[in-house]
Structures are given as structure tokens and as C-alpha cells.
Amino acid sequence: AQDHDRRDDGLHVQALGGSMPADLLEQIRSAMTQLDPLAPWPDIAPMVLPVLKRIRHPYPPEASPIHIQVPPGIPTGFGIDFGPAFSHVHRRLIEHWGVDEATLLGTALENLRRLVLAEPPRIERFEHAGAAVTTVSGQGWGSSLVLLPEVLGLHLGADPRVLLTPVRNTIVALPDDVEPDVAYDIWDALAHGAHDELDVQPLRWTGSTVTTLLDRQTQGLPN
């Protein structure tokens, strides 16, 4: 899981939360040598993507990723996509680039729209405990599609659903009347022990947009 080789580039890469294939480790190392996060904003902008907040962030305070609340209350950070991995965006990087949070978010969402066209998400459907389950997956960014309801709707259709984002790669769509225990079991099956478990509350797909489950109660729908 750890690369102990001494390299002239001075990089030391360690996998957090599990083992990593040696070839992937080498790909990350190679890509990191070509990444300059302090490059001007026009150079970095095409590589920025939205990444939802993880529960655990093993970073020192000065490198802690920035997170903003995106309606309807989704804690969202940003990553510089350099192929096999993300470099998280922290406050000092934003100040260096000279952009505001609105510009950062707008750029990241537009990049995600283009990425989905180039790499369509993988859709899988199955049944668990009597509930119809749909998963929408994309490598490193699948969960972020809750920020693009116009894209998500192409894969979920018009029926209301409960949405779970247990890990960064995947959205899970469940029937609107799913039993809480079933939803919890699915979340736990995907997120238990995962280093990228997300800190995002369950959401709701209305058939056209993403809301919170509290909105479901105000609309007079069953809990």
C-alpha cells in the first residue's frame, strides 16, 4: 500500500484507506509531476470539478479543502482533476487564482457537464429487500451529479426517488416510499470502511430537481 522507493522527483505517495495497485501509484506519481496548482486560473480552470464533502479529511489545517453549501444544502468542495486522482482546492489556492466562489462553482459545474458527455455515467438497476434500486456511477464524480439535476433527470426519469450519496463515485436512487432500514442497509453496504464516505444527508429527486427530504414533509408526502 505504500511506495518506499526513493525517487529524484522527491514525491512520496501513500494510499489512505487501503491498498493501491503499483501501476496506479506510478500513474499518480507521474501525473503529479506535471501538475502545477499555482498556475494561472485560465490554465487550471478546465481541470476543476465539484467533489462532495467527505466525512474524513486527513489533511493539515493549512491544506484543508474548502467546502461551500450548494442548494438545497449540499456541502461541495472542488478538485483539480489530473487524470488518475484529484488535488483538492483549499482557500489559499482560490486567493492565488483571484477568483470568487461563484466563479469556481460555475466553472466546475460546466466542466462536469462536458465530462458527462465524454464519459457517460454507468447505470445499473437491481432489487434489494423488495425495493427497486438504480445506481448512477462515474469514476470520482458520480455523486456530484446531484448538482446537475438536468443531467441526472436523463437517467432517473420523472418518478420521485430518495437519493443517497454514500461514496464519491455513486448515486443510489430508491423508491420514494422506501423503508428507512432498507436505505440504511444500502448506505452501509457501500460506505462502511470506505475512505471516501460522504458527509451528505439523503436527498430527494422530485422528478425534475433535487431537494432535501424535509421538503418532502412540507409537501404533505409520507415520511
C-alpha atoms as a PDB file:
ATOM      1  CA  ALA A   1       0.000   0.000   0.000  1.00  0.00           C
ATOM      2  CA  GLN A   2       2.976   2.317   0.400  1.00  0.00           C
ATOM      3  CA  ASP A   3       5.655   3.289  -2.081  1.00  0.00           C
ATOM      4  CA  HIS A   4       9.017   3.275  -0.335  1.00  0.00           C
ATOM      5  CA  ASP A   5      11.144   3.801  -3.442  1.00  0.00           C
ATOM      6  CA  ARG A   6      13.411   6.808  -3.398  1.00  0.00           C
ATOM      7  CA  ARG A   7      12.824   8.970  -6.460  1.00  0.00           C
ATOM      8  CA  ASP A   8      14.596  12.010  -7.814  1.00  0.00           C
ATOM      9  CA  ASP A   9      11.304  13.920  -8.037  1.00  0.00           C
ATOM     10  CA  GLY A  10      11.081  13.954  -4.219  1.00  0.00           C
ATOM     11  CA  LEU A  11       7.470  12.710  -4.186  1.00  0.00           C
ATOM     12  CA  HIS A  12       6.242  10.201  -1.637  1.00  0.00           C
ATOM     13  CA  VAL A  13       2.754   8.795  -2.266  1.00  0.00           C
ATOM     14  CA  GLN A  14       0.883   6.814   0.360  1.00  0.00           C
ATOM     15  CA  ALA A  15      -2.514   5.194  -0.092  1.00  0.00           C
ATOM     16  CA  LEU A  16      -5.010   6.081   2.662  1.00  0.00           C
ATOM     17  CA  GLY A  17      -7.727   3.574   3.487  1.00  0.00           C
ATOM     18  CA  GLY A  18      -6.497   0.540   1.594  1.00  0.00           C
ATOM     19  CA  SER A  19      -4.018  -0.877  -0.858  1.00  0.00           C
ATOM     20  CA  MET A  20      -3.278   0.595  -4.278  1.00  0.00           C
ATOM     21  CA  PRO A  21      -2.044  -1.215  -7.389  1.00  0.00           C
ATOM     22  CA  ALA A  22       1.566  -0.386  -8.202  1.00  0.00           C
ATOM     23  CA  ASP A  23       0.727   0.728 -11.749  1.00  0.00           C
ATOM     24  CA  LEU A  24      -1.928   3.171 -10.491  1.00  0.00           C
ATOM     25  CA  LEU A  25       0.501   4.529  -7.920  1.00  0.00           C
ATOM     26  CA  GLU A  26       3.003   5.179 -10.688  1.00  0.00           C
ATOM     27  CA  GLN A  27       0.340   6.896 -12.837  1.00  0.00           C
ATOM     28  CA  ILE A  28      -0.499   9.236  -9.948  1.00  0.00           C
ATOM     29  CA  ARG A  29       3.164   9.969  -9.315  1.00  0.00           C
ATOM     30  CA  SER A  30       3.763  10.756 -12.993  1.00  0.00           C
ATOM     31  CA  ALA A  31       0.692  12.994 -13.234  1.00  0.00           C
ATOM     32  CA  MET A  32       1.629  14.873 -10.060  1.00  0.00           C
ATOM     33  CA  THR A  33       4.990  15.846 -11.519  1.00  0.00           C
ATOM     34  CA  GLN A  34       3.146  17.608 -14.360  1.00  0.00           C
ATOM     35  CA  LEU A  35       0.536  19.363 -12.181  1.00  0.00           C
ATOM     36  CA  ASP A  36       1.135  22.952 -11.117  1.00  0.00           C
ATOM     37  CA  PRO A  37      -1.789  24.109  -8.941  1.00  0.00           C
ATOM     38  CA  LEU A  38      -0.180  27.557  -8.733  1.00  0.00           C
ATOM     39  CA  ALA A  39      -0.532  28.044 -12.478  1.00  0.00           C
ATOM     40  CA  PRO A  40      -2.764  30.971 -13.581  1.00  0.00           C
ATOM     41  CA  TRP A  41      -6.518  30.432 -13.306  1.00  0.00           C
ATOM     42  CA  PRO A  42      -7.087  30.166 -17.108  1.00  0.00           C
ATOM     43  CA  ASP A  43      -4.718  27.183 -17.132  1.00  0.00           C
ATOM     44  CA  ILE A  44      -6.292  25.490 -14.102  1.00  0.00           C
ATOM     45  CA  ALA A  45      -9.963  26.259 -14.838  1.00  0.00           C
ATOM     46  CA  PRO A  46     -10.544  23.424 -17.366  1.00  0.00           C
ATOM     47  CA  MET A  47      -9.398  20.851 -14.781  1.00  0.00           C
ATOM     48  CA  VAL A  48     -11.622  21.903 -11.841  1.00  0.00           C
ATOM     49  CA  LEU A  49     -14.509  19.620 -10.889  1.00  0.00           C
ATOM     50  CA  PRO A  50     -17.014  19.638  -7.994  1.00  0.00           C
ATOM     51  CA  VAL A  51     -16.432  16.944  -5.357  1.00  0.00           C
ATOM     52  CA  LEU A  52     -18.869  16.382  -2.490  1.00  0.00           C
ATOM     53  CA  LYS A  53     -17.580  16.621   1.067  1.00  0.00           C
ATOM     54  CA  ARG A  54     -16.150  13.510   2.650  1.00  0.00           C
ATOM     55  CA  ILE A  55     -16.712  12.615   6.305  1.00  0.00           C
ATOM     56  CA  ARG A  56     -12.980  12.174   6.888  1.00  0.00           C
ATOM     57  CA  HIS A  57     -10.357  14.602   5.558  1.00  0.00           C
ATOM     58  CA  PRO A  58      -6.839  13.630   6.687  1.00  0.00           C
ATOM     59  CA  TYR A  59      -5.257  16.961   5.833  1.00  0.00           C
ATOM     60  CA  PRO A  60      -3.374  19.525   7.915  1.00  0.00           C
ATOM     61  CA  PRO A  61      -5.356  22.737   8.609  1.00  0.00           C
ATOM     62  CA  GLU A  62      -3.437  24.807   6.058  1.00  0.00           C
ATOM     63  CA  ALA A  63      -4.344  22.333   3.297  1.00  0.00           C
ATOM     64  CA  SER A  64      -7.914  21.627   4.392  1.00  0.00           C
ATOM     65  CA  PRO A  65     -10.261  21.584   1.361  1.00  0.00           C
ATOM     66  CA  ILE A  66     -12.751  24.409   1.020  1.00  0.00           C
ATOM     67  CA  HIS A  67     -16.466  23.494   1.068  1.00  0.00           C
ATOM     68  CA  ILE A  68     -19.484  25.609   0.191  1.00  0.00           C
ATOM     69  CA  GLN A  69     -23.187  24.881   0.578  1.00  0.00           C
ATOM     70  CA  VAL A  70     -24.847  24.403  -2.809  1.00  0.00           C
ATOM     71  CA  PRO A  71     -28.691  24.416  -2.895  1.00  0.00           C
ATOM     72  CA  PRO A  72     -30.545  22.571  -1.499  1.00  0.00           C
ATOM     73  CA  GLY A  73     -27.744  22.292   1.089  1.00  0.00           C
ATOM     74  CA  ILE A  74     -25.115  20.019  -0.437  1.00  0.00           C
ATOM     75  CA  PRO A  75     -21.600  20.531   1.025  1.00  0.00           C
ATOM     76  CA  THR A  76     -19.406  20.797  -2.046  1.00  0.00           C
ATOM     77  CA  GLY A  77     -15.670  21.057  -2.483  1.00  0.00           C
ATOM     78  CA  PHE A  78     -13.504  21.193  -5.570  1.00  0.00           C
ATOM     79  CA  GLY A  79     -10.760  19.100  -7.068  1.00  0.00           C
ATOM     80  CA  ILE A  80      -8.189  19.662  -9.766  1.00  0.00           C
ATOM     81  CA  ASP A  81      -8.603  16.628 -11.992  1.00  0.00           C
ATOM     82  CA  PHE A  82      -5.205  15.411 -13.177  1.00  0.00           C
ATOM     83  CA  GLY A  83      -6.263  12.067 -14.596  1.00  0.00           C
ATOM     84  CA  PRO A  84      -5.878   9.304 -12.046  1.00  0.00           C
ATOM     85  CA  ALA A  85      -6.648  11.474  -8.986  1.00  0.00           C
ATOM     86  CA  PHE A  86      -7.819  14.852  -7.619  1.00  0.00           C
ATOM     87  CA  SER A  87      -5.798  17.590  -5.954  1.00  0.00           C
ATOM     88  CA  HIS A  88      -8.188  19.254  -3.511  1.00  0.00           C
ATOM     89  CA  VAL A  89      -8.715  23.002  -3.643  1.00  0.00           C
ATOM     90  CA  HIS A  90      -8.084  24.956  -0.447  1.00  0.00           C
ATOM     91  CA  ARG A  91      -8.624  28.619   0.429  1.00  0.00           C
ATOM     92  CA  ARG A  92      -5.105  29.783  -0.354  1.00  0.00           C
ATOM     93  CA  LEU A  93      -5.355  28.391  -3.890  1.00  0.00           C
ATOM     94  CA  ILE A  94      -8.553  30.363  -4.543  1.00  0.00           C
ATOM     95  CA  GLU A  95      -6.895  33.521  -3.278  1.00  0.00           C
ATOM     96  CA  HIS A  96      -3.896  32.845  -5.504  1.00  0.00           C
ATOM     97  CA  TRP A  97      -6.095  32.385  -8.575  1.00  0.00           C
ATOM     98  CA  GLY A  98      -8.010  35.576  -7.803  1.00  0.00           C
ATOM     99  CA  VAL A  99     -11.485  34.116  -8.373  1.00  0.00           C
ATOM    100  CA  ASP A 100     -14.571  34.060  -6.177  1.00  0.00           C
ATOM    101  CA  GLU A 101     -16.580  31.031  -5.074  1.00  0.00           C
ATOM    102  CA  ALA A 102     -19.345  31.671  -7.620  1.00  0.00           C
ATOM    103  CA  THR A 103     -16.821  31.568 -10.471  1.00  0.00           C
ATOM    104  CA  LEU A 104     -15.231  28.438  -9.048  1.00  0.00           C
ATOM    105  CA  LEU A 105     -18.592  26.656  -8.751  1.00  0.00           C
ATOM    106  CA  GLY A 106     -19.839  27.742 -12.174  1.00  0.00           C
ATOM    107  CA  THR A 107     -16.623  26.605 -13.828  1.00  0.00           C
ATOM    108  CA  ALA A 108     -16.628  23.259 -12.014  1.00  0.00           C
ATOM    109  CA  LEU A 109     -20.246  22.503 -12.963  1.00  0.00           C
ATOM    110  CA  GLU A 110     -19.659  23.362 -16.614  1.00  0.00           C
ATOM    111  CA  ASN A 111     -16.605  21.094 -16.659  1.00  0.00           C
ATOM    112  CA  LEU A 112     -18.707  18.292 -15.146  1.00  0.00           C
ATOM    113  CA  ARG A 113     -21.357  18.738 -17.869  1.00  0.00           C
ATOM    114  CA  ARG A 114     -18.691  18.316 -20.538  1.00  0.00           C
ATOM    115  CA  LEU A 115     -17.166  15.325 -18.745  1.00  0.00           C
ATOM    116  CA  VAL A 116     -20.515  13.519 -18.605  1.00  0.00           C
ATOM    117  CA  LEU A 117     -20.864  13.883 -22.372  1.00  0.00           C
ATOM    118  CA  ALA A 118     -17.387  12.450 -22.919  1.00  0.00           C
ATOM    119  CA  GLU A 119     -17.714   9.725 -20.264  1.00  0.00           C
ATOM    120  CA  PRO A 120     -21.411   8.877 -19.764  1.00  0.00           C
ATOM    121  CA  PRO A 121     -22.225   7.534 -16.284  1.00  0.00           C
ATOM    122  CA  ARG A 122     -22.801   3.825 -15.777  1.00  0.00           C
ATOM    123  CA  ILE A 123     -26.405   2.956 -14.882  1.00  0.00           C
ATOM    124  CA  GLU A 124     -27.298  -0.248 -13.041  1.00  0.00           C
ATOM    125  CA  ARG A 125     -30.696  -1.449 -11.860  1.00  0.00           C
ATOM    126  CA  PHE A 126     -31.443  -4.242  -9.401  1.00  0.00           C
ATOM    127  CA  GLU A 127     -33.704  -5.123  -6.464  1.00  0.00           C
ATOM    128  CA  HIS A 128     -32.787  -5.149  -2.772  1.00  0.00           C
ATOM    129  CA  ALA A 129     -35.188  -6.203   0.003  1.00  0.00           C
ATOM    130  CA  GLY A 130     -38.107  -5.675  -2.366  1.00  0.00           C
ATOM    131  CA  ALA A 131     -37.028  -2.161  -3.352  1.00  0.00           C
ATOM    132  CA  ALA A 132     -36.086  -1.200  -6.900  1.00  0.00           C
ATOM    133  CA  VAL A 133     -32.592   0.313  -6.859  1.00  0.00           C
ATOM    134  CA  THR A 134     -30.909   2.423  -9.536  1.00  0.00           C
ATOM    135  CA  THR A 135     -27.248   3.403  -9.264  1.00  0.00           C
ATOM    136  CA  VAL A 136     -25.591   6.151 -11.282  1.00  0.00           C
ATOM    137  CA  SER A 137     -21.797   5.861 -11.247  1.00  0.00           C
ATOM    138  CA  GLY A 138     -18.870   7.825 -12.625  1.00  0.00           C
ATOM    139  CA  GLN A 139     -15.236   7.481 -11.675  1.00  0.00           C
ATOM    140  CA  GLY A 140     -14.545  10.062  -8.965  1.00  0.00           C
ATOM    141  CA  TRP A 141     -17.535  12.283  -9.818  1.00  0.00           C
ATOM    142  CA  GLY A 142     -20.711  10.162  -9.915  1.00  0.00           C
ATOM    143  CA  SER A 143     -22.128  11.592  -6.676  1.00  0.00           C
ATOM    144  CA  SER A 144     -21.609  15.158  -7.934  1.00  0.00           C
ATOM    145  CA  LEU A 145     -24.417  14.703 -10.461  1.00  0.00           C
ATOM    146  CA  VAL A 146     -26.859  15.686  -7.698  1.00  0.00           C
ATOM    147  CA  LEU A 147     -25.599  19.205  -8.500  1.00  0.00           C
ATOM    148  CA  LEU A 148     -26.778  18.855 -12.127  1.00  0.00           C
ATOM    149  CA  PRO A 149     -30.471  17.882 -11.985  1.00  0.00           C
ATOM    150  CA  GLU A 150     -30.924  18.490 -15.712  1.00  0.00           C
ATOM    151  CA  VAL A 151     -28.330  15.767 -16.352  1.00  0.00           C
ATOM    152  CA  LEU A 152     -29.442  13.453 -13.557  1.00  0.00           C
ATOM    153  CA  GLY A 153     -33.028  13.519 -14.825  1.00  0.00           C
ATOM    154  CA  LEU A 154     -31.971  11.912 -18.094  1.00  0.00           C
ATOM    155  CA  HIS A 155     -31.134   8.773 -16.116  1.00  0.00           C
ATOM    156  CA  LEU A 156     -33.759   8.825 -13.343  1.00  0.00           C
ATOM    157  CA  GLY A 157     -36.887   9.818 -15.228  1.00  0.00           C
ATOM    158  CA  ALA A 158     -39.946  11.576 -13.793  1.00  0.00           C
ATOM    159  CA  ASP A 159     -40.754   9.345 -10.815  1.00  0.00           C
ATOM    160  CA  PRO A 160     -39.802  10.805  -7.401  1.00  0.00           C
ATOM    161  CA  ARG A 161     -36.955   8.992  -5.652  1.00  0.00           C
ATOM    162  CA  VAL A 162     -34.912   9.083  -2.475  1.00  0.00           C
ATOM    163  CA  LEU A 163     -31.266   9.793  -3.330  1.00  0.00           C
ATOM    164  CA  LEU A 164     -28.258   8.526  -1.388  1.00  0.00           C
ATOM    165  CA  THR A 165     -24.666   9.587  -1.990  1.00  0.00           C
ATOM    166  CA  PRO A 166     -22.726   7.128   0.190  1.00  0.00           C
ATOM    167  CA  VAL A 167     -19.405   7.403  -1.678  1.00  0.00           C
ATOM    168  CA  ARG A 168     -17.871   9.745  -4.217  1.00  0.00           C
ATOM    169  CA  ASN A 169     -18.389   7.553  -7.279  1.00  0.00           C
ATOM    170  CA  THR A 170     -22.060   6.679  -6.891  1.00  0.00           C
ATOM    171  CA  ILE A 171     -25.614   7.974  -6.502  1.00  0.00           C
ATOM    172  CA  VAL A 172     -28.224   5.471  -5.312  1.00  0.00           C
ATOM    173  CA  ALA A 173     -31.866   6.152  -6.258  1.00  0.00           C
ATOM    174  CA  LEU A 174     -34.561   4.366  -4.238  1.00  0.00           C
ATOM    175  CA  PRO A 175     -38.371   4.383  -4.350  1.00  0.00           C
ATOM    176  CA  ASP A 176     -39.915   7.439  -2.726  1.00  0.00           C
ATOM    177  CA  ASP A 177     -41.598   5.240  -0.100  1.00  0.00           C
ATOM    178  CA  VAL A 178     -38.523   3.141   0.690  1.00  0.00           C
ATOM    179  CA  GLU A 179     -38.268   1.857   4.250  1.00  0.00           C
ATOM    180  CA  PRO A 180     -35.556   3.711   6.223  1.00  0.00           C
ATOM    181  CA  ASP A 181     -33.916   0.416   7.248  1.00  0.00           C
ATOM    182  CA  VAL A 182     -33.502  -0.592   3.611  1.00  0.00           C
ATOM    183  CA  ALA A 183     -31.921   2.767   2.747  1.00  0.00           C
ATOM    184  CA  TYR A 184     -29.575   2.480   5.722  1.00  0.00           C
ATOM    185  CA  ASP A 185     -28.519  -1.056   4.747  1.00  0.00           C
ATOM    186  CA  ILE A 186     -27.625   0.075   1.234  1.00  0.00           C
ATOM    187  CA  TRP A 187     -25.671   3.084   2.501  1.00  0.00           C
ATOM    188  CA  ASP A 188     -23.780   0.914   4.978  1.00  0.00           C
ATOM    189  CA  ALA A 189     -23.012  -1.750   2.375  1.00  0.00           C
ATOM    190  CA  LEU A 190     -21.371   0.837   0.101  1.00  0.00           C
ATOM    191  CA  ALA A 191     -19.807   3.207   2.635  1.00  0.00           C
ATOM    192  CA  HIS A 192     -18.733   1.073   5.584  1.00  0.00           C
ATOM    193  CA  GLY A 193     -14.971   1.296   5.835  1.00  0.00           C
ATOM    194  CA  ALA A 194     -14.694   3.397   2.672  1.00  0.00           C
ATOM    195  CA  HIS A 195     -12.168   6.246   2.870  1.00  0.00           C
ATOM    196  CA  ASP A 196     -14.441   8.384   0.670  1.00  0.00           C
ATOM    197  CA  GLU A 197     -17.715   8.061   2.600  1.00  0.00           C
ATOM    198  CA  LEU A 198     -19.578  11.324   2.031  1.00  0.00           C
ATOM    199  CA  ASP A 199     -20.965  13.782   4.563  1.00  0.00           C
ATOM    200  CA  VAL A 200     -24.182  14.434   2.622  1.00  0.00           C
ATOM    201  CA  GLN A 201     -27.670  13.898   4.017  1.00  0.00           C
ATOM    202  CA  PRO A 202     -30.171  11.826   1.994  1.00  0.00           C
ATOM    203  CA  LEU A 203     -31.824  13.879  -0.744  1.00  0.00           C
ATOM    204  CA  ARG A 204     -34.958  13.605  -2.870  1.00  0.00           C
ATOM    205  CA  TRP A 205     -35.455  13.583  -6.616  1.00  0.00           C
ATOM    206  CA  THR A 206     -38.805  15.247  -7.313  1.00  0.00           C
ATOM    207  CA  GLY A 207     -38.927  14.218 -10.959  1.00  0.00           C
ATOM    208  CA  SER A 208     -37.316  17.447 -12.105  1.00  0.00           C
ATOM    209  CA  THR A 209     -34.960  18.671  -9.393  1.00  0.00           C
ATOM    210  CA  VAL A 210     -33.081  17.709  -6.219  1.00  0.00           C
ATOM    211  CA  THR A 211     -34.455  18.779  -2.830  1.00  0.00           C
ATOM    212  CA  THR A 212     -33.980  17.770   0.793  1.00  0.00           C
ATOM    213  CA  LEU A 213     -36.142  15.167   2.499  1.00  0.00           C
ATOM    214  CA  LEU A 214     -37.525  17.968   4.694  1.00  0.00           C
ATOM    215  CA  ASP A 215     -39.138  19.404   1.557  1.00  0.00           C
ATOM    216  CA  ARG A 216     -40.902  16.075   1.168  1.00  0.00           C
ATOM    217  CA  GLN A 217     -42.572  16.562   4.548  1.00  0.00           C
ATOM    218  CA  THR A 218     -43.670  20.146   3.792  1.00  0.00           C
ATOM    219  CA  GLN A 219     -45.310  18.878   0.602  1.00  0.00           C
ATOM    220  CA  GLY A 220     -47.502  16.550   2.675  1.00  0.00           C
ATOM    221  CA  LEU A 221     -45.773  13.379   1.494  1.00  0.00           C
ATOM    222  CA  PRO A 222     -45.265  10.357   3.780  1.00  0.00           C
ATOM    223  CA  ASN A 223     -42.070  10.182   5.858  1.00  0.00           C
END
